[in-house]
Protein backbone atom coordinates (compact mmCIF):
# COMPACT_ATOMS: atom_id res chain seq x y z
CA MET A 1 0.06 0.08 0.02
CA ASN A 2 2.80 2.28 0.69
CA GLU A 3 4.37 1.85 -2.66
CA ILE A 4 0.77 2.31 -4.32
CA PHE A 5 0.08 5.59 -2.41
CA ASP A 6 3.54 6.97 -3.25
CA ARG A 7 2.79 6.64 -6.91
CA PHE A 8 -1.08 7.15 -7.06
CA PRO A 9 -0.94 11.18 -6.92
CA THR A 10 0.81 11.19 -10.21
CA THR A 11 -1.86 8.91 -11.79
CA LEU A 12 -4.57 10.82 -10.23
CA SER A 13 -3.28 14.26 -11.45
CA LEU A 14 -2.98 12.94 -14.85
CA ALA A 15 -6.43 11.72 -14.90
CA ILE A 16 -7.81 15.01 -13.30
CA TYR A 17 -5.84 17.21 -15.89
CA GLY A 18 -7.06 15.00 -18.60
CA THR A 19 -10.64 15.22 -17.65
CA ILE A 20 -10.48 18.98 -17.16
CA PHE A 21 -9.00 19.09 -20.85
CA SER A 22 -11.97 16.79 -22.02
CA ILE A 23 -14.56 19.04 -20.33
CA PHE A 24 -13.18 22.22 -21.61
CA MET A 25 -12.60 20.97 -25.13
CA GLY A 26 -15.57 18.55 -25.57
CA ILE A 27 -18.69 20.51 -24.13
CA PRO A 28 -17.96 23.91 -25.97
CA LEU A 29 -17.49 22.03 -29.27
CA GLY A 30 -20.63 19.91 -28.61
CA MET A 31 -22.69 22.85 -27.64
CA ILE A 32 -21.64 24.89 -30.95
CA SER A 33 -22.12 21.80 -33.13
CA ALA A 34 -25.72 21.29 -31.77
CA THR A 35 -26.70 24.89 -31.91
CA ARG A 36 -25.14 25.08 -35.65
CA GLN A 37 -26.40 21.75 -36.85
CA TYR A 38 -25.34 20.69 -40.40
CA SER A 39 -23.04 23.75 -40.69
CA ALA A 40 -19.31 23.54 -41.71
CA PHE A 41 -18.27 23.76 -38.06
CA ASP A 42 -20.67 20.97 -37.29
CA THR A 43 -19.24 18.69 -40.09
CA SER A 44 -15.59 19.56 -39.13
CA ALA A 45 -16.22 18.95 -35.46
CA GLN A 46 -17.68 15.58 -36.10
CA VAL A 47 -14.84 14.63 -38.26
CA VAL A 48 -12.45 15.64 -35.63
CA GLY A 49 -14.37 13.84 -32.92
CA LEU A 50 -14.45 10.60 -34.94
CA LEU A 51 -10.73 10.94 -35.31
CA GLY A 52 -10.14 11.44 -31.63
CA VAL A 53 -12.31 8.53 -30.56
CA SER A 54 -10.54 6.32 -33.12
CA ILE A 55 -6.78 7.12 -32.58
CA PRO A 56 -5.22 5.01 -29.76
CA ASN A 57 -3.61 6.79 -26.90
CA PHE A 58 -0.19 5.08 -27.38
CA TRP A 59 0.00 5.94 -30.97
CA LEU A 60 -0.99 9.67 -30.39
CA GLY A 61 1.57 9.82 -27.48
CA LEU A 62 4.49 8.64 -29.73
CA MET A 63 3.45 11.08 -32.57
CA LEU A 64 3.29 13.87 -30.19
CA ILE A 65 6.75 13.16 -28.76
CA ILE A 66 8.15 12.84 -32.36
CA ALA A 67 6.52 16.23 -33.52
CA PHE A 68 6.92 18.37 -30.38
CA SER A 69 10.06 16.84 -28.73
CA LEU A 70 12.26 15.43 -31.38
CA ASN A 71 11.47 17.60 -34.25
CA LEU A 72 10.53 21.03 -32.76
CA GLY A 73 12.26 20.74 -29.26
CA TRP A 74 9.45 22.69 -27.56
CA LEU A 75 8.44 20.04 -24.81
CA PRO A 76 10.36 17.41 -22.79
CA PRO A 77 9.58 13.84 -24.09
CA SER A 78 9.69 12.17 -20.73
CA GLY A 79 9.66 12.70 -16.92
CA LEU A 80 8.26 15.45 -14.83
CA THR A 81 11.25 17.76 -14.96
CA SER A 82 8.93 20.89 -15.68
CA PRO A 83 5.24 22.10 -15.86
CA GLY A 84 5.61 21.79 -19.47
CA ALA A 85 6.21 18.05 -19.20
CA TRP A 86 2.45 17.58 -18.46
CA ILE A 87 1.31 18.93 -21.62
CA LEU A 88 1.99 15.96 -23.98
CA PRO A 89 0.64 13.35 -21.47
CA ILE A 90 -2.44 15.53 -20.80
CA ILE A 91 -3.23 15.66 -24.54
CA THR A 92 -2.65 12.14 -25.11
CA VAL A 93 -5.00 11.00 -22.30
CA GLY A 94 -7.51 13.80 -23.02
CA THR A 95 -8.04 13.59 -26.67
CA ASN A 96 -10.08 10.57 -26.83
CA SER A 97 -12.19 11.65 -23.85
CA ALA A 98 -12.71 15.22 -25.22
CA ALA A 99 -13.86 13.65 -28.66
CA MET A 100 -16.53 11.39 -26.68
CA VAL A 101 -17.67 14.16 -24.42
CA MET A 102 -18.14 16.33 -27.50
CA ARG A 103 -20.15 13.76 -29.42
CA ILE A 104 -22.29 13.03 -26.42
CA THR A 105 -22.86 16.89 -25.87
CA ARG A 106 -23.89 17.25 -29.26
CA SER A 107 -26.46 14.36 -29.29
CA SER A 108 -28.00 15.43 -25.80
CA MET A 109 -28.26 19.02 -26.80
CA LEU A 110 -29.91 18.12 -30.02
CA GLU A 111 -32.53 16.18 -28.22
CA VAL A 112 -33.15 19.09 -25.52
CA ILE A 113 -33.13 21.98 -28.07
CA ARG A 114 -36.30 20.56 -29.70
CA GLN A 115 -38.31 20.44 -26.57
CA ASP A 116 -41.32 22.58 -25.92
CA TYR A 117 -39.80 24.43 -22.92
CA ILE A 118 -36.91 25.56 -25.03
CA ARG A 119 -39.31 26.98 -27.77
CA THR A 120 -41.41 28.50 -25.00
CA ALA A 121 -38.35 30.34 -23.50
CA ARG A 122 -37.56 31.64 -26.99
CA ALA A 123 -41.08 32.78 -27.34
CA LYS A 124 -40.71 34.71 -24.18
CA GLY A 125 -37.97 36.72 -25.68
CA GLN A 126 -35.01 35.22 -23.79
CA LYS A 127 -31.61 35.66 -25.30
CA GLU A 128 -30.17 32.79 -27.18
CA SER A 129 -27.13 32.61 -24.83
CA VAL A 130 -29.76 32.26 -21.80
CA VAL A 131 -31.63 29.60 -23.57
CA VAL A 132 -28.66 27.65 -24.49
CA TRP A 133 -26.60 27.99 -21.08
CA LYS A 134 -29.41 28.07 -18.59
CA HIS A 135 -32.14 25.88 -20.19
CA ALA A 136 -30.54 23.66 -22.80
CA LEU A 137 -27.16 22.91 -21.23
CA ARG A 138 -28.44 22.15 -17.77
CA ASN A 139 -30.93 19.72 -19.03
CA ALA A 140 -28.59 17.96 -21.40
CA LEU A 141 -25.80 17.52 -18.67
CA ILE A 142 -27.02 14.24 -17.27
CA PRO A 143 -25.52 12.13 -20.06
CA VAL A 144 -22.32 14.28 -20.11
CA VAL A 145 -21.60 13.73 -16.58
CA THR A 146 -22.12 10.27 -16.87
CA ALA A 147 -19.48 10.15 -19.62
CA VAL A 148 -17.18 12.42 -17.85
CA GLY A 149 -17.35 10.21 -14.71
CA LEU A 150 -16.78 6.94 -16.63
CA ASP A 151 -13.96 8.71 -18.51
CA PHE A 152 -12.24 9.73 -15.41
CA GLY A 153 -12.40 6.08 -14.08
CA PHE A 154 -11.15 4.75 -17.34
CA LEU A 155 -8.23 7.38 -17.26
CA LEU A 156 -7.12 5.89 -13.88
CA GLY A 157 -6.64 2.78 -15.64
CA GLY A 158 -6.10 3.90 -19.08
CA ALA A 159 -3.02 5.93 -17.92
CA ILE A 160 -0.90 2.82 -17.94
CA LEU A 161 0.42 3.19 -21.49
CA THR A 162 0.73 7.01 -21.29
CA GLU A 163 2.79 6.54 -18.17
CA SER A 164 4.94 4.09 -19.82
CA ILE A 165 5.44 6.09 -22.99
CA PHE A 166 6.38 9.34 -21.13
CA ALA A 167 8.26 7.63 -18.30
CA LEU A 168 5.95 9.24 -15.58
CA PRO A 169 6.36 7.78 -12.04
CA GLY A 170 2.69 6.79 -11.70
CA LEU A 171 0.86 3.83 -10.54
CA GLY A 172 0.24 2.61 -14.16
CA ARG A 173 3.96 2.27 -14.93
CA PHE A 174 4.65 0.93 -11.78
CA MET A 175 2.16 -1.99 -12.37
CA VAL A 176 3.68 -2.53 -15.92
CA GLU A 177 7.18 -2.93 -14.29
CA SER A 178 5.72 -5.20 -11.64
CA ILE A 179 4.13 -7.34 -14.34
CA SER A 180 7.64 -7.69 -16.02
CA ARG A 181 9.09 -8.62 -12.63
CA ARG A 182 6.22 -11.07 -11.97
CA ASP A 183 5.58 -9.05 -8.73
CA PHE A 184 1.90 -10.56 -8.47
CA PRO A 185 1.00 -9.06 -5.14
CA ILE A 186 1.83 -5.39 -6.46
CA VAL A 187 -0.38 -6.11 -9.64
CA GLN A 188 -3.29 -7.54 -7.62
CA GLY A 189 -3.12 -4.63 -5.27
CA GLY A 190 -2.82 -2.09 -8.05
CA VAL A 191 -5.93 -3.39 -9.81
CA LEU A 192 -7.91 -3.75 -6.62
CA PHE A 193 -7.08 -0.09 -5.76
CA MET A 194 -8.05 0.98 -9.13
CA ALA A 195 -11.45 -0.89 -9.03
CA ILE A 196 -12.24 0.64 -5.72
CA THR A 197 -11.45 4.08 -6.81
CA PHE A 198 -13.41 3.54 -10.15
CA SER A 199 -16.52 2.49 -7.99
CA LEU A 200 -16.11 5.64 -5.75
CA VAL A 201 -16.01 7.72 -8.88
CA ASN A 202 -19.28 6.25 -10.09
CA LEU A 203 -20.95 6.91 -6.72
CA ILE A 204 -19.86 10.57 -6.69
CA VAL A 205 -21.46 10.79 -10.24
CA ASP A 206 -24.61 9.39 -9.27
CA ILE A 207 -24.85 11.95 -6.35
CA LEU A 208 -24.01 14.76 -8.60
CA TYR A 209 -27.18 13.93 -10.54
CA ALA A 210 -29.55 15.20 -7.82
CA TYR A 211 -27.72 18.45 -7.83
CA ILE A 212 -27.77 18.87 -11.59
CA ASP A 213 -31.27 18.01 -12.19
CA PRO A 214 -33.79 18.77 -9.31
CA ARG A 215 -36.37 16.31 -10.67
CA ILE A 216 -34.21 13.35 -9.79
CA LYS A 217 -33.95 14.66 -6.25
CA SER A 218 -37.74 15.35 -5.84
CA GLN A 219 -38.40 11.72 -6.72
CA TYR A 220 -36.80 10.62 -3.28
CA THR A 221 -37.88 13.56 -1.08
């Protein structure tokens, strides 16, 4: 447990930064795509989202190292020697999640903006920004929050390859090294720890539902 807790902060930080990256990239792109359906921006965003979902993390990480570390020399290729060393790993783990969040946000927003209460809000003369942010987005957040919570849990386990590629001293890389050494207690402990963490994340997501949508909370009060 001491070995796991010593390395888990790095993995947790990578998962948190990757999730923040996916939220700030995916939700705005999904909102704009939904409000401008079938436009050039919508088509481009869908193509980028499809590529983001399809590209494997390990391949993307290697391509980023070749482009920005070896060829351009802008960012360090491995380790945590500076704050800039986090940039490439965050992009690597967050790209797939951002693409998925974007697609889910777009789909959920398209369903919501066709509802009667959205039409009523516009008929009352509400500004389009108020209609989109206050009425549409909040009611479309349940699937998005579910996706973000699941992605965060997967990042805690999916960071194994990313940590190995960028030589980060996290739990994922530690487990890979333990597998090569046939240190099965470490592997079993790491898998169990990640499973418990993933379950706690899903519990927190379920609790957040009541704060996002008051209708859910009213069903049990």
